[in-house]
Amino acid sequence: MANCPICEKKLKKVDTMVFCENYKPKKLESGEWKNEGTCEFRVLFKNKIWGTMTPENVKTLLNGESVENKKHDKISLDVKNAPFFTKVEFAPKVEPEDF
């Protein structure tokens, strides 16, 4: 069982993310979300910039390692980068050759 890298409480998993048990989002009447808990930590499985992660990928991030996608972009955990808590390093673009 993994603990939150911010507050050391237990981490939980649902279909869309891994999150701290102290992260308690509530949808307001306005349609916006507000955290009523004391910790913001969560990692979404679907990341628009990097792609889709698995629970195993998140475990790898929590162990201090990075994960590489098919494009060779790397994602790592960055607890200071709220609300995403990840950092993406893009692979160098391959320049097209002259024809």
N, C-alpha and C. Protein backbone atom coordinates (compact mmCIF):
# COMPACT_ATOMS: atom_id res chain seq x y z
N MET A 1 0.85 -1.19 0.00
CA MET A 1 0.00 0.00 0.00
C MET A 1 0.88 1.24 0.00
N ALA A 2 0.55 2.18 -0.86
CA ALA A 2 1.35 3.40 -0.98
C ALA A 2 0.75 4.52 -0.13
N ASN A 3 1.62 5.43 0.27
CA ASN A 3 1.19 6.60 1.03
C ASN A 3 1.35 7.86 0.20
N CYS A 4 0.58 8.85 0.53
CA CYS A 4 0.62 10.14 -0.14
C CYS A 4 2.01 10.77 0.03
N PRO A 5 2.62 11.23 -1.06
CA PRO A 5 3.95 11.85 -0.94
C PRO A 5 3.91 13.24 -0.29
N ILE A 6 2.72 13.77 -0.07
CA ILE A 6 2.60 15.09 0.54
C ILE A 6 2.29 14.99 2.03
N CYS A 7 1.24 14.21 2.39
CA CYS A 7 0.81 14.18 3.80
C CYS A 7 0.96 12.82 4.47
N GLU A 8 1.42 11.82 3.71
CA GLU A 8 1.68 10.47 4.24
C GLU A 8 0.43 9.64 4.55
N LYS A 9 -0.77 10.14 4.21
CA LYS A 9 -1.98 9.35 4.39
C LYS A 9 -2.07 8.29 3.29
N LYS A 10 -3.04 7.41 3.38
CA LYS A 10 -3.20 6.34 2.39
C LYS A 10 -3.61 6.90 1.03
N LEU A 11 -3.16 6.22 -0.02
CA LEU A 11 -3.61 6.54 -1.37
C LEU A 11 -4.75 5.61 -1.74
N LYS A 12 -5.70 6.14 -2.49
CA LYS A 12 -6.86 5.38 -2.95
C LYS A 12 -6.86 5.39 -4.48
N LYS A 13 -7.60 4.45 -5.08
CA LYS A 13 -7.67 4.36 -6.53
C LYS A 13 -9.12 4.20 -6.96
N VAL A 14 -9.50 4.96 -8.00
CA VAL A 14 -10.79 4.80 -8.67
C VAL A 14 -10.48 4.65 -10.16
N ASP A 15 -11.50 4.55 -10.98
CA ASP A 15 -11.29 4.33 -12.42
C ASP A 15 -10.50 5.44 -13.10
N THR A 16 -10.54 6.65 -12.57
CA THR A 16 -9.94 7.79 -13.25
C THR A 16 -8.63 8.29 -12.65
N MET A 17 -8.31 7.89 -11.42
CA MET A 17 -7.12 8.45 -10.77
C MET A 17 -6.71 7.70 -9.51
N VAL A 18 -5.52 8.05 -9.04
CA VAL A 18 -5.02 7.68 -7.72
C VAL A 18 -5.02 8.98 -6.92
N PHE A 19 -5.48 8.94 -5.68
CA PHE A 19 -5.59 10.17 -4.90
C PHE A 19 -5.39 9.91 -3.41
N CYS A 20 -5.05 10.95 -2.69
CA CYS A 20 -4.89 10.89 -1.24
C CYS A 20 -6.26 10.74 -0.59
N GLU A 21 -6.32 9.98 0.48
CA GLU A 21 -7.60 9.83 1.17
C GLU A 21 -8.08 11.15 1.77
N ASN A 22 -7.19 12.14 1.88
CA ASN A 22 -7.58 13.46 2.37
C ASN A 22 -7.99 14.41 1.25
N TYR A 23 -8.04 13.91 0.01
CA TYR A 23 -8.55 14.69 -1.12
C TYR A 23 -10.03 14.35 -1.23
N LYS A 24 -10.88 15.34 -1.00
CA LYS A 24 -12.32 15.11 -0.96
C LYS A 24 -13.04 16.13 -1.85
N PRO A 25 -13.05 15.85 -3.16
CA PRO A 25 -13.68 16.80 -4.08
C PRO A 25 -15.21 16.77 -3.98
N LYS A 26 -15.79 17.94 -4.13
CA LYS A 26 -17.25 18.05 -4.11
C LYS A 26 -17.65 18.97 -5.26
N LYS A 27 -18.64 18.54 -6.03
CA LYS A 27 -19.12 19.37 -7.14
C LYS A 27 -20.10 20.39 -6.61
N LEU A 28 -19.82 21.65 -6.90
CA LEU A 28 -20.67 22.74 -6.45
C LEU A 28 -21.84 22.93 -7.41
N GLU A 29 -22.85 23.65 -6.99
CA GLU A 29 -24.01 23.92 -7.85
C GLU A 29 -23.60 24.62 -9.14
N SER A 30 -22.53 25.38 -9.10
CA SER A 30 -22.05 26.10 -10.28
C SER A 30 -21.41 25.16 -11.30
N GLY A 31 -21.19 23.90 -10.89
CA GLY A 31 -20.53 22.94 -11.78
C GLY A 31 -19.05 22.84 -11.53
N GLU A 32 -18.48 23.74 -10.76
CA GLU A 32 -17.07 23.70 -10.42
C GLU A 32 -16.83 22.68 -9.30
N TRP A 33 -15.59 22.24 -9.20
CA TRP A 33 -15.20 21.30 -8.15
C TRP A 33 -14.42 22.01 -7.07
N LYS A 34 -14.65 21.62 -5.83
CA LYS A 34 -13.93 22.18 -4.69
C LYS A 34 -13.46 21.03 -3.81
N ASN A 35 -12.21 21.11 -3.36
CA ASN A 35 -11.69 20.10 -2.44
C ASN A 35 -12.07 20.47 -1.02
N GLU A 36 -12.81 19.60 -0.37
CA GLU A 36 -13.19 19.84 1.02
C GLU A 36 -12.25 19.12 1.98
N GLY A 37 -11.23 18.47 1.44
CA GLY A 37 -10.26 17.77 2.26
C GLY A 37 -9.06 18.66 2.58
N THR A 38 -8.05 18.05 3.15
CA THR A 38 -6.86 18.80 3.58
C THR A 38 -5.66 18.56 2.69
N CYS A 39 -5.78 17.72 1.65
CA CYS A 39 -4.67 17.43 0.75
C CYS A 39 -5.17 17.46 -0.69
N GLU A 40 -4.37 18.01 -1.58
CA GLU A 40 -4.74 18.13 -2.99
C GLU A 40 -4.20 17.00 -3.86
N PHE A 41 -3.39 16.10 -3.31
CA PHE A 41 -2.66 15.15 -4.17
C PHE A 41 -3.58 14.18 -4.90
N ARG A 42 -3.36 14.13 -6.24
CA ARG A 42 -4.00 13.14 -7.09
C ARG A 42 -3.24 13.09 -8.41
N VAL A 43 -3.28 11.93 -9.04
CA VAL A 43 -2.69 11.75 -10.37
C VAL A 43 -3.75 11.10 -11.24
N LEU A 44 -4.14 11.81 -12.28
CA LEU A 44 -5.15 11.30 -13.21
C LEU A 44 -4.53 10.28 -14.15
N PHE A 45 -5.29 9.26 -14.51
CA PHE A 45 -4.81 8.26 -15.46
C PHE A 45 -4.77 8.82 -16.87
N LYS A 46 -5.68 9.72 -17.22
CA LYS A 46 -5.68 10.33 -18.55
C LYS A 46 -5.05 11.72 -18.44
N ASN A 47 -3.93 11.86 -19.12
CA ASN A 47 -3.18 13.11 -19.11
C ASN A 47 -3.15 13.64 -20.54
N LYS A 48 -3.72 14.80 -20.77
CA LYS A 48 -3.85 15.34 -22.13
C LYS A 48 -2.50 15.54 -22.80
N ILE A 49 -1.49 15.86 -22.05
CA ILE A 49 -0.18 16.13 -22.64
C ILE A 49 0.62 14.84 -22.84
N TRP A 50 0.62 13.94 -21.87
CA TRP A 50 1.47 12.76 -21.92
C TRP A 50 0.76 11.54 -22.48
N GLY A 51 -0.52 11.37 -22.19
CA GLY A 51 -1.27 10.20 -22.64
C GLY A 51 -1.88 9.48 -21.45
N THR A 52 -2.25 8.23 -21.66
CA THR A 52 -2.93 7.44 -20.63
C THR A 52 -1.92 6.66 -19.80
N MET A 53 -2.10 6.71 -18.49
CA MET A 53 -1.26 5.95 -17.56
C MET A 53 -2.07 4.83 -16.93
N THR A 54 -1.36 3.84 -16.47
CA THR A 54 -1.97 2.72 -15.75
C THR A 54 -1.68 2.89 -14.25
N PRO A 55 -2.38 2.14 -13.41
CA PRO A 55 -2.04 2.18 -11.98
C PRO A 55 -0.57 1.78 -11.74
N GLU A 56 -0.05 0.87 -12.55
CA GLU A 56 1.35 0.46 -12.42
C GLU A 56 2.29 1.62 -12.74
N ASN A 57 1.91 2.43 -13.75
CA ASN A 57 2.71 3.62 -14.08
C ASN A 57 2.76 4.56 -12.88
N VAL A 58 1.63 4.76 -12.22
CA VAL A 58 1.59 5.66 -11.06
C VAL A 58 2.46 5.11 -9.94
N LYS A 59 2.44 3.80 -9.73
CA LYS A 59 3.32 3.19 -8.72
C LYS A 59 4.78 3.48 -9.04
N THR A 60 5.13 3.40 -10.33
CA THR A 60 6.50 3.70 -10.75
C THR A 60 6.86 5.14 -10.42
N LEU A 61 5.94 6.08 -10.69
CA LEU A 61 6.17 7.48 -10.37
C LEU A 61 6.37 7.67 -8.86
N LEU A 62 5.54 7.00 -8.07
CA LEU A 62 5.63 7.12 -6.62
C LEU A 62 6.93 6.56 -6.07
N ASN A 63 7.55 5.65 -6.83
CA ASN A 63 8.85 5.07 -6.44
C ASN A 63 10.02 5.95 -6.89
N GLY A 64 9.72 7.14 -7.44
CA GLY A 64 10.76 8.07 -7.82
C GLY A 64 11.32 7.86 -9.22
N GLU A 65 10.69 7.00 -10.00
CA GLU A 65 11.16 6.74 -11.36
C GLU A 65 10.26 7.46 -12.36
N SER A 66 10.72 7.56 -13.59
CA SER A 66 9.90 8.16 -14.64
C SER A 66 9.34 7.05 -15.52
N VAL A 67 8.31 7.41 -16.30
CA VAL A 67 7.67 6.48 -17.23
C VAL A 67 7.74 7.11 -18.61
N GLU A 68 8.02 6.29 -19.61
CA GLU A 68 8.16 6.77 -20.98
C GLU A 68 6.99 6.27 -21.82
N ASN A 69 6.44 7.17 -22.67
CA ASN A 69 5.34 6.76 -23.55
C ASN A 69 5.88 6.37 -24.93
N LYS A 70 4.99 6.08 -25.86
CA LYS A 70 5.38 5.64 -27.20
C LYS A 70 6.15 6.71 -27.97
N LYS A 71 5.91 7.98 -27.64
CA LYS A 71 6.61 9.08 -28.31
C LYS A 71 7.96 9.36 -27.66
N HIS A 72 8.30 8.58 -26.63
CA HIS A 72 9.53 8.73 -25.85
C HIS A 72 9.53 9.97 -24.96
N ASP A 73 8.34 10.53 -24.70
CA ASP A 73 8.20 11.58 -23.69
C ASP A 73 8.26 10.89 -22.33
N LYS A 74 8.83 11.58 -21.35
CA LYS A 74 8.93 11.01 -20.00
C LYS A 74 8.09 11.83 -19.03
N ILE A 75 7.43 11.12 -18.12
CA ILE A 75 6.66 11.77 -17.08
C ILE A 75 7.21 11.31 -15.74
N SER A 76 7.29 12.25 -14.79
CA SER A 76 7.77 11.92 -13.45
C SER A 76 6.90 12.66 -12.44
N LEU A 77 7.01 12.24 -11.19
CA LEU A 77 6.24 12.86 -10.12
C LEU A 77 6.89 14.19 -9.74
N ASP A 78 6.08 15.21 -9.54
CA ASP A 78 6.55 16.53 -9.11
C ASP A 78 5.51 17.09 -8.14
N VAL A 79 5.70 16.84 -6.86
CA VAL A 79 4.70 17.21 -5.86
C VAL A 79 4.52 18.72 -5.72
N LYS A 80 5.45 19.49 -6.26
CA LYS A 80 5.33 20.95 -6.20
C LYS A 80 4.51 21.51 -7.36
N ASN A 81 4.17 20.67 -8.33
CA ASN A 81 3.44 21.10 -9.52
C ASN A 81 1.94 20.81 -9.39
N ALA A 82 1.32 21.44 -8.39
CA ALA A 82 -0.13 21.27 -8.21
C ALA A 82 -0.86 22.05 -9.30
N PRO A 83 -1.97 21.61 -9.80
CA PRO A 83 -2.75 20.46 -9.38
C PRO A 83 -2.44 19.17 -10.15
N PHE A 84 -1.36 19.16 -10.96
CA PHE A 84 -1.09 17.97 -11.77
C PHE A 84 -0.15 16.98 -11.08
N PHE A 85 0.77 17.49 -10.29
CA PHE A 85 1.72 16.69 -9.52
C PHE A 85 2.62 15.81 -10.39
N THR A 86 2.76 16.20 -11.64
CA THR A 86 3.66 15.49 -12.55
C THR A 86 4.43 16.51 -13.38
N LYS A 87 5.51 16.04 -13.98
CA LYS A 87 6.32 16.86 -14.87
C LYS A 87 6.59 16.04 -16.12
N VAL A 88 6.37 16.64 -17.29
CA VAL A 88 6.59 15.95 -18.56
C VAL A 88 7.84 16.52 -19.22
N GLU A 89 8.73 15.61 -19.64
CA GLU A 89 9.90 15.98 -20.44
C GLU A 89 9.66 15.42 -21.83
N PHE A 90 9.57 16.33 -22.79
CA PHE A 90 9.29 15.90 -24.16
C PHE A 90 10.56 15.40 -24.84
N ALA A 91 10.41 14.34 -25.61
CA ALA A 91 11.52 13.81 -26.39
C ALA A 91 11.90 14.82 -27.45
N PRO A 92 13.18 14.88 -27.81
CA PRO A 92 13.58 15.81 -28.88
C PRO A 92 12.85 15.45 -30.18
N LYS A 93 12.42 16.50 -30.87
CA LYS A 93 11.75 16.27 -32.15
C LYS A 93 12.78 15.90 -33.20
N VAL A 94 12.42 14.96 -34.03
CA VAL A 94 13.31 14.56 -35.11
C VAL A 94 13.05 15.51 -36.28
N GLU A 95 14.10 16.19 -36.70
CA GLU A 95 13.97 17.12 -37.81
C GLU A 95 13.89 16.35 -39.12
N PRO A 96 13.01 16.76 -40.00
CA PRO A 96 12.91 16.09 -41.29
C PRO A 96 14.19 16.32 -42.12
N GLU A 97 14.52 15.33 -42.88
CA GLU A 97 15.70 15.44 -43.73
C GLU A 97 15.37 16.17 -45.02
N ASP A 98 16.37 16.81 -45.60
CA ASP A 98 16.19 17.42 -46.92
C ASP A 98 15.98 16.32 -47.94
N PHE A 99 15.21 16.62 -48.96
CA PHE A 99 14.94 15.63 -49.99
C PHE A 99 15.69 15.97 -51.25
